Amino acid sequence: EAFTYGIDKGTLNVASHFVVDRDGTIYRL
């Protein structure tokens, strides 16, 4: 949920709604 390192430590981590794998599989995160 949060960054665990660097100047952003403790703030909202990066994330994306979807990740598409190399074979075209769609994941909703």
PDB file of all heavy atoms in Angstrom:
ATOM      1  N   GLU A   1       0.807  -1.215   0.000  1.00  0.00           N
ATOM      2  CA  GLU A   1       0.000   0.000   0.000  1.00  0.00           C
ATOM      3  C   GLU A   1       0.842   1.268   0.000  1.00  0.00           C
ATOM      4  O   GLU A   1       0.478   2.276  -0.617  1.00  0.00           O
ATOM      5  CB  GLU A   1      -0.916   0.004   1.220  1.00  0.00           C
ATOM      6  CG  GLU A   1      -1.923  -1.127   1.209  1.00  0.00           C
ATOM      7  CD  GLU A   1      -2.729  -1.206   2.477  1.00  0.00           C
ATOM      8  OE1 GLU A   1      -2.152  -1.019   3.563  1.00  0.00           O
ATOM      9  OE2 GLU A   1      -3.945  -1.447   2.378  1.00  0.00           O
ATOM     10  N   ALA A   2       1.972   1.225   0.677  1.00  0.00           N
ATOM     11  CA  ALA A   2       2.815   2.414   0.806  1.00  0.00           C
ATOM     12  C   ALA A   2       4.226   2.115   0.315  1.00  0.00           C
ATOM     13  O   ALA A   2       4.683   0.970   0.357  1.00  0.00           O
ATOM     14  CB  ALA A   2       2.864   2.876   2.258  1.00  0.00           C
ATOM     15  N   PHE A   3       4.905   3.146  -0.158  1.00  0.00           N
ATOM     16  CA  PHE A   3       6.324   3.020  -0.461  1.00  0.00           C
ATOM     17  C   PHE A   3       7.064   2.654   0.820  1.00  0.00           C
ATOM     18  O   PHE A   3       6.744   3.146   1.907  1.00  0.00           O
ATOM     19  CB  PHE A   3       6.892   4.341  -0.994  1.00  0.00           C
ATOM     20  CG  PHE A   3       6.720   4.535  -2.472  1.00  0.00           C
ATOM     21  CD1 PHE A   3       5.817   5.463  -2.952  1.00  0.00           C
ATOM     22  CD2 PHE A   3       7.477   3.805  -3.373  1.00  0.00           C
ATOM     23  CE1 PHE A   3       5.652   5.662  -4.314  1.00  0.00           C
ATOM     24  CE2 PHE A   3       7.331   3.992  -4.742  1.00  0.00           C
ATOM     25  CZ  PHE A   3       6.416   4.917  -5.213  1.00  0.00           C
ATOM     26  N   THR A   4       8.054   1.809   0.707  1.00  0.00           N
ATOM     27  CA  THR A   4       8.819   1.376   1.887  1.00  0.00           C
ATOM     28  C   THR A   4      10.263   1.866   1.850  1.00  0.00           C
ATOM     29  O   THR A   4      11.092   1.411   2.627  1.00  0.00           O
ATOM     30  CB  THR A   4       8.816  -0.159   1.986  1.00  0.00           C
ATOM     31  OG1 THR A   4       9.357  -0.710   0.782  1.00  0.00           O
ATOM     32  CG2 THR A   4       7.411  -0.691   2.209  1.00  0.00           C
ATOM     33  N   TYR A   5      10.558   2.819   0.944  1.00  0.00           N
ATOM     34  CA  TYR A   5      11.936   3.268   0.772  1.00  0.00           C
ATOM     35  C   TYR A   5      11.937   4.683   0.182  1.00  0.00           C
ATOM     36  O   TYR A   5      10.920   5.175  -0.311  1.00  0.00           O
ATOM     37  CB  TYR A   5      12.697   2.333  -0.169  1.00  0.00           C
ATOM     38  CG  TYR A   5      11.997   2.159  -1.503  1.00  0.00           C
ATOM     39  CD1 TYR A   5      12.223   3.043  -2.554  1.00  0.00           C
ATOM     40  CD2 TYR A   5      11.073   1.135  -1.690  1.00  0.00           C
ATOM     41  CE1 TYR A   5      11.548   2.904  -3.763  1.00  0.00           C
ATOM     42  CE2 TYR A   5      10.404   0.999  -2.894  1.00  0.00           C
ATOM     43  CZ  TYR A   5      10.653   1.882  -3.923  1.00  0.00           C
ATOM     44  OH  TYR A   5       9.968   1.749  -5.111  1.00  0.00           O
ATOM     45  N   GLY A   6      13.095   5.320   0.224  1.00  0.00           N
ATOM     46  CA  GLY A   6      13.300   6.598  -0.459  1.00  0.00           C
ATOM     47  C   GLY A   6      12.505   7.757   0.121  1.00  0.00           C
ATOM     48  O   GLY A   6      11.900   7.658   1.199  1.00  0.00           O
ATOM     49  N   ILE A   7      12.478   8.856  -0.640  1.00  0.00           N
ATOM     50  CA  ILE A   7      11.821  10.072  -0.155  1.00  0.00           C
ATOM     51  C   ILE A   7      10.301   9.923  -0.089  1.00  0.00           C
ATOM     52  O   ILE A   7       9.637  10.697   0.590  1.00  0.00           O
ATOM     53  CB  ILE A   7      12.188  11.287  -1.034  1.00  0.00           C
ATOM     54  CG1 ILE A   7      11.729  11.057  -2.485  1.00  0.00           C
ATOM     55  CG2 ILE A   7      13.670  11.578  -0.977  1.00  0.00           C
ATOM     56  CD1 ILE A   7      11.924  12.286  -3.367  1.00  0.00           C
ATOM     57  N   ASP A   8       9.767   8.945  -0.809  1.00  0.00           N
ATOM     58  CA  ASP A   8       8.319   8.714  -0.805  1.00  0.00           C
ATOM     59  C   ASP A   8       7.889   7.715   0.267  1.00  0.00           C
ATOM     60  O   ASP A   8       6.714   7.348   0.334  1.00  0.00           O
ATOM     61  CB  ASP A   8       7.854   8.199  -2.166  1.00  0.00           C
ATOM     62  CG  ASP A   8       7.809   9.290  -3.211  1.00  0.00           C
ATOM     63  OD1 ASP A   8       7.488  10.435  -2.846  1.00  0.00           O
ATOM     64  OD2 ASP A   8       8.101   9.006  -4.383  1.00  0.00           O
ATOM     65  N   LYS A   9       8.808   7.273   1.112  1.00  0.00           N
ATOM     66  CA  LYS A   9       8.497   6.256   2.116  1.00  0.00           C
ATOM     67  C   LYS A   9       7.290   6.681   2.953  1.00  0.00           C
ATOM     68  O   LYS A   9       7.215   7.800   3.448  1.00  0.00           O
ATOM     69  CB  LYS A   9       9.700   6.029   3.024  1.00  0.00           C
ATOM     70  CG  LYS A   9       9.492   4.911   4.042  1.00  0.00           C
ATOM     71  CD  LYS A   9      10.755   4.656   4.850  1.00  0.00           C
ATOM     72  CE  LYS A   9      10.538   3.527   5.850  1.00  0.00           C
ATOM     73  NZ  LYS A   9      11.773   3.261   6.640  1.00  0.00           N
ATOM     74  N   GLY A  10       6.323   5.765   3.079  1.00  0.00           N
ATOM     75  CA  GLY A  10       5.140   6.031   3.874  1.00  0.00           C
ATOM     76  C   GLY A  10       3.992   6.651   3.108  1.00  0.00           C
ATOM     77  O   GLY A  10       2.882   6.742   3.628  1.00  0.00           O
ATOM     78  N   THR A  11       4.237   7.053   1.852  1.00  0.00           N
ATOM     79  CA  THR A  11       3.158   7.621   1.046  1.00  0.00           C
ATOM     80  C   THR A  11       2.581   6.551   0.118  1.00  0.00           C
ATOM     81  O   THR A  11       3.111   5.448   0.010  1.00  0.00           O
ATOM     82  CB  THR A  11       3.665   8.798   0.199  1.00  0.00           C
ATOM     83  OG1 THR A  11       4.676   8.328  -0.717  1.00  0.00           O
ATOM     84  CG2 THR A  11       4.270   9.880   1.067  1.00  0.00           C
ATOM     85  N   LEU A  12       1.496   6.879  -0.548  1.00  0.00           N
ATOM     86  CA  LEU A  12       0.813   5.929  -1.429  1.00  0.00           C
ATOM     87  C   LEU A  12       1.762   5.345  -2.462  1.00  0.00           C
ATOM     88  O   LEU A  12       2.464   6.072  -3.176  1.00  0.00           O
ATOM     89  CB  LEU A  12      -0.345   6.642  -2.143  1.00  0.00           C
ATOM     90  CG  LEU A  12      -1.163   5.802  -3.122  1.00  0.00           C
ATOM     91  CD1 LEU A  12      -1.903   4.698  -2.394  1.00  0.00           C
ATOM     92  CD2 LEU A  12      -2.129   6.699  -3.899  1.00  0.00           C
ATOM     93  N   ASN A  13       1.764   4.023  -2.564  1.00  0.00           N
ATOM     94  CA  ASN A  13       2.594   3.341  -3.550  1.00  0.00           C
ATOM     95  C   ASN A  13       2.001   3.498  -4.951  1.00  0.00           C
ATOM     96  O   ASN A  13       0.805   3.741  -5.112  1.00  0.00           O
ATOM     97  CB  ASN A  13       2.686   1.853  -3.204  1.00  0.00           C
ATOM     98  CG  ASN A  13       3.763   1.126  -3.988  1.00  0.00           C
ATOM     99  OD1 ASN A  13       4.639   1.742  -4.584  1.00  0.00           O
ATOM    100  ND2 ASN A  13       3.704  -0.194  -3.980  1.00  0.00           N
ATOM    101  N   VAL A  14       2.841   3.353  -5.961  1.00  0.00           N
ATOM    102  CA  VAL A  14       2.356   3.363  -7.335  1.00  0.00           C
ATOM    103  C   VAL A  14       1.587   2.072  -7.604  1.00  0.00           C
ATOM    104  O   VAL A  14       1.848   1.029  -7.000  1.00  0.00           O
ATOM    105  CB  VAL A  14       3.512   3.516  -8.343  1.00  0.00           C
ATOM    106  CG1 VAL A  14       4.158   4.874  -8.214  1.00  0.00           C
ATOM    107  CG2 VAL A  14       4.551   2.414  -8.160  1.00  0.00           C
ATOM    108  N   ALA A  15       0.637   2.168  -8.509  1.00  0.00           N
ATOM    109  CA  ALA A  15      -0.155   1.002  -8.916  1.00  0.00           C
ATOM    110  C   ALA A  15      -0.938   1.376 -10.155  1.00  0.00           C
ATOM    111  O   ALA A  15      -1.067   2.554 -10.497  1.00  0.00           O
ATOM    112  CB  ALA A  15      -1.105   0.559  -7.802  1.00  0.00           C
ATOM    113  N   SER A  16      -1.450   0.377 -10.835  1.00  0.00           N
ATOM    114  CA  SER A  16      -2.264   0.591 -12.017  1.00  0.00           C
ATOM    115  C   SER A  16      -3.483  -0.319 -11.937  1.00  0.00           C
ATOM    116  O   SER A  16      -3.451  -1.359 -11.276  1.00  0.00           O
ATOM    117  CB  SER A  16      -1.459   0.297 -13.280  1.00  0.00           C
ATOM    118  OG  SER A  16      -2.099   0.804 -14.427  1.00  0.00           O
ATOM    119  N   HIS A  17      -4.539   0.076 -12.609  1.00  0.00           N
ATOM    120  CA  HIS A  17      -5.766  -0.702 -12.568  1.00  0.00           C
ATOM    121  C   HIS A  17      -5.596  -2.060 -13.247  1.00  0.00           C
ATOM    122  O   HIS A  17      -6.122  -3.068 -12.766  1.00  0.00           O
ATOM    123  CB  HIS A  17      -6.900   0.064 -13.245  1.00  0.00           C
ATOM    124  CG  HIS A  17      -7.183   1.392 -12.610  1.00  0.00           C
ATOM    125  ND1 HIS A  17      -6.409   2.515 -12.877  1.00  0.00           N
ATOM    126  CD2 HIS A  17      -8.125   1.776 -11.727  1.00  0.00           C
ATOM    127  CE1 HIS A  17      -6.894   3.533 -12.171  1.00  0.00           C
ATOM    128  NE2 HIS A  17      -7.934   3.108 -11.472  1.00  0.00           N
ATOM    129  N   PHE A  18      -4.872  -2.070 -14.373  1.00  0.00           N
ATOM    130  CA  PHE A  18      -4.703  -3.291 -15.158  1.00  0.00           C
ATOM    131  C   PHE A  18      -3.238  -3.519 -15.492  1.00  0.00           C
ATOM    132  O   PHE A  18      -2.466  -2.565 -15.666  1.00  0.00           O
ATOM    133  CB  PHE A  18      -5.487  -3.204 -16.475  1.00  0.00           C
ATOM    134  CG  PHE A  18      -6.974  -3.108 -16.302  1.00  0.00           C
ATOM    135  CD1 PHE A  18      -7.607  -1.875 -16.235  1.00  0.00           C
ATOM    136  CD2 PHE A  18      -7.751  -4.253 -16.197  1.00  0.00           C
ATOM    137  CE1 PHE A  18      -8.974  -1.774 -16.074  1.00  0.00           C
ATOM    138  CE2 PHE A  18      -9.123  -4.173 -16.032  1.00  0.00           C
ATOM    139  CZ  PHE A  18      -9.742  -2.928 -15.973  1.00  0.00           C
ATOM    140  N   VAL A  19      -2.880  -4.793 -15.616  1.00  0.00           N
ATOM    141  CA  VAL A  19      -1.587  -5.186 -16.173  1.00  0.00           C
ATOM    142  C   VAL A  19      -1.852  -6.216 -17.255  1.00  0.00           C
ATOM    143  O   VAL A  19      -2.590  -7.182 -17.032  1.00  0.00           O
ATOM    144  CB  VAL A  19      -0.643  -5.777 -15.106  1.00  0.00           C
ATOM    145  CG1 VAL A  19       0.667  -6.223 -15.761  1.00  0.00           C
ATOM    146  CG2 VAL A  19      -0.355  -4.761 -14.009  1.00  0.00           C
ATOM    147  N   VAL A  20      -1.279  -6.003 -18.435  1.00  0.00           N
ATOM    148  CA  VAL A  20      -1.424  -6.938 -19.547  1.00  0.00           C
ATOM    149  C   VAL A  20      -0.105  -7.683 -19.724  1.00  0.00           C
ATOM    150  O   VAL A  20       0.944  -7.067 -19.974  1.00  0.00           O
ATOM    151  CB  VAL A  20      -1.806  -6.208 -20.850  1.00  0.00           C
ATOM    152  CG1 VAL A  20      -1.951  -7.215 -21.993  1.00  0.00           C
ATOM    153  CG2 VAL A  20      -3.100  -5.414 -20.660  1.00  0.00           C
ATOM    154  N   ASP A  21      -0.152  -9.001 -19.594  1.00  0.00           N
ATOM    155  CA  ASP A  21       1.058  -9.818 -19.696  1.00  0.00           C
ATOM    156  C   ASP A  21       1.466  -9.997 -21.156  1.00  0.00           C
ATOM    157  O   ASP A  21       0.740  -9.628 -22.086  1.00  0.00           O
ATOM    158  CB  ASP A  21       0.817 -11.173 -19.032  1.00  0.00           C
ATOM    159  CG  ASP A  21       2.092 -11.779 -18.477  1.00  0.00           C
ATOM    160  OD1 ASP A  21       3.200 -11.298 -18.802  1.00  0.00           O
ATOM    161  OD2 ASP A  21       1.990 -12.748 -17.687  1.00  0.00           O
ATOM    162  N   ARG A  22       2.623 -10.583 -21.368  1.00  0.00           N
ATOM    163  CA  ARG A  22       3.203 -10.713 -22.704  1.00  0.00           C
ATOM    164  C   ARG A  22       2.299 -11.502 -23.654  1.00  0.00           C
ATOM    165  O   ARG A  22       2.276 -11.249 -24.853  1.00  0.00           O
ATOM    166  CB  ARG A  22       4.570 -11.409 -22.625  1.00  0.00           C
ATOM    167  CG  ARG A  22       5.569 -10.766 -21.683  1.00  0.00           C
ATOM    168  CD  ARG A  22       6.115  -9.469 -22.202  1.00  0.00           C
ATOM    169  NE  ARG A  22       6.942  -9.668 -23.397  1.00  0.00           N
ATOM    170  CZ  ARG A  22       7.390  -8.677 -24.169  1.00  0.00           C
ATOM    171  NH1 ARG A  22       7.051  -7.423 -23.908  1.00  0.00           N
ATOM    172  NH2 ARG A  22       8.150  -8.934 -25.210  1.00  0.00           N
ATOM    173  N   ASP A  23       1.547 -12.455 -23.093  1.00  0.00           N
ATOM    174  CA  ASP A  23       0.682 -13.289 -23.925  1.00  0.00           C
ATOM    175  C   ASP A  23      -0.712 -12.688 -24.105  1.00  0.00           C
ATOM    176  O   ASP A  23      -1.601 -13.320 -24.682  1.00  0.00           O
ATOM    177  CB  ASP A  23       0.571 -14.699 -23.355  1.00  0.00           C
ATOM    178  CG  ASP A  23      -0.091 -14.732 -21.972  1.00  0.00           C
ATOM    179  OD1 ASP A  23      -0.416 -13.650 -21.430  1.00  0.00           O
ATOM    180  OD2 ASP A  23      -0.268 -15.840 -21.433  1.00  0.00           O
ATOM    181  N   GLY A  24      -0.913 -11.477 -23.606  1.00  0.00           N
ATOM    182  CA  GLY A  24      -2.199 -10.812 -23.751  1.00  0.00           C
ATOM    183  C   GLY A  24      -3.163 -11.037 -22.601  1.00  0.00           C
ATOM    184  O   GLY A  24      -4.274 -10.503 -22.617  1.00  0.00           O
ATOM    185  N   THR A  25      -2.762 -11.798 -21.587  1.00  0.00           N
ATOM    186  CA  THR A  25      -3.622 -11.997 -20.422  1.00  0.00           C
ATOM    187  C   THR A  25      -3.811 -10.672 -19.690  1.00  0.00           C
ATOM    188  O   THR A  25      -2.842  -9.961 -19.422  1.00  0.00           O
ATOM    189  CB  THR A  25      -3.012 -13.028 -19.460  1.00  0.00           C
ATOM    190  OG1 THR A  25      -2.841 -14.270 -20.148  1.00  0.00           O
ATOM    191  CG2 THR A  25      -3.912 -13.250 -18.246  1.00  0.00           C
ATOM    192  N   ILE A  26      -5.063 -10.364 -19.370  1.00  0.00           N
ATOM    193  CA  ILE A  26      -5.392  -9.110 -18.698  1.00  0.00           C
ATOM    194  C   ILE A  26      -5.663  -9.384 -17.222  1.00  0.00           C
ATOM    195  O   ILE A  26      -6.513 -10.203 -16.885  1.00  0.00           O
ATOM    196  CB  ILE A  26      -6.632  -8.454 -19.327  1.00  0.00           C
ATOM    197  CG1 ILE A  26      -6.408  -8.180 -20.819  1.00  0.00           C
ATOM    198  CG2 ILE A  26      -6.981  -7.159 -18.593  1.00  0.00           C
ATOM    199  CD1 ILE A  26      -7.670  -7.742 -21.557  1.00  0.00           C
ATOM    200  N   TYR A  27      -4.930  -8.687 -16.372  1.00  0.00           N
ATOM    201  CA  TYR A  27      -5.135  -8.770 -14.933  1.00  0.00           C
ATOM    202  C   TYR A  27      -5.690  -7.445 -14.410  1.00  0.00           C
ATOM    203  O   TYR A  27      -5.185  -6.380 -14.766  1.00  0.00           O
ATOM    204  CB  TYR A  27      -3.822  -9.062 -14.207  1.00  0.00           C
ATOM    205  CG  TYR A  27      -3.223 -10.411 -14.524  1.00  0.00           C
ATOM    206  CD1 TYR A  27      -2.304 -10.547 -15.560  1.00  0.00           C
ATOM    207  CD2 TYR A  27      -3.563 -11.541 -13.786  1.00  0.00           C
ATOM    208  CE1 TYR A  27      -1.736 -11.780 -15.856  1.00  0.00           C
ATOM    209  CE2 TYR A  27      -3.001 -12.778 -14.066  1.00  0.00           C
ATOM    210  CZ  TYR A  27      -2.091 -12.888 -15.107  1.00  0.00           C
ATOM    211  OH  TYR A  27      -1.536 -14.116 -15.394  1.00  0.00           O
ATOM    212  N   ARG A  28      -6.735  -7.527 -13.599  1.00  0.00           N
ATOM    213  CA  ARG A  28      -7.240  -6.337 -12.909  1.00  0.00           C
ATOM    214  C   ARG A  28      -6.703  -6.354 -11.482  1.00  0.00           C
ATOM    215  O   ARG A  28      -6.962  -7.280 -10.725  1.00  0.00           O
ATOM    216  CB  ARG A  28      -8.764  -6.312 -12.886  1.00  0.00           C
ATOM    217  CG  ARG A  28      -9.326  -5.058 -12.215  1.00  0.00           C
ATOM    218  CD  ARG A  28     -10.784  -5.179 -11.840  1.00  0.00           C
ATOM    219  NE  ARG A  28     -11.671  -5.070 -12.997  1.00  0.00           N
ATOM    220  CZ  ARG A  28     -12.494  -6.027 -13.409  1.00  0.00           C
ATOM    221  NH1 ARG A  28     -12.500  -7.191 -12.771  1.00  0.00           N
ATOM    222  NH2 ARG A  28     -13.275  -5.851 -14.435  1.00  0.00           N
ATOM    223  N   LEU A  29      -5.988  -5.298 -11.107  1.00  0.00           N
ATOM    224  CA  LEU A  29      -5.379  -5.238  -9.789  1.00  0.00           C
ATOM    225  C   LEU A  29      -6.226  -4.469  -8.778  1.00  0.00           C
ATOM    226  O   LEU A  29      -6.148  -4.724  -7.569  1.00  0.00           O
ATOM    227  CB  LEU A  29      -3.988  -4.595  -9.871  1.00  0.00           C
ATOM    228  CG  LEU A  29      -2.812  -5.520 -10.204  1.00  0.00           C
ATOM    229  CD1 LEU A  29      -3.022  -6.266 -11.511  1.00  0.00           C
ATOM    230  CD2 LEU A  29      -1.516  -4.727 -10.240  1.00  0.00           C
TER     231      LEU A  29
END
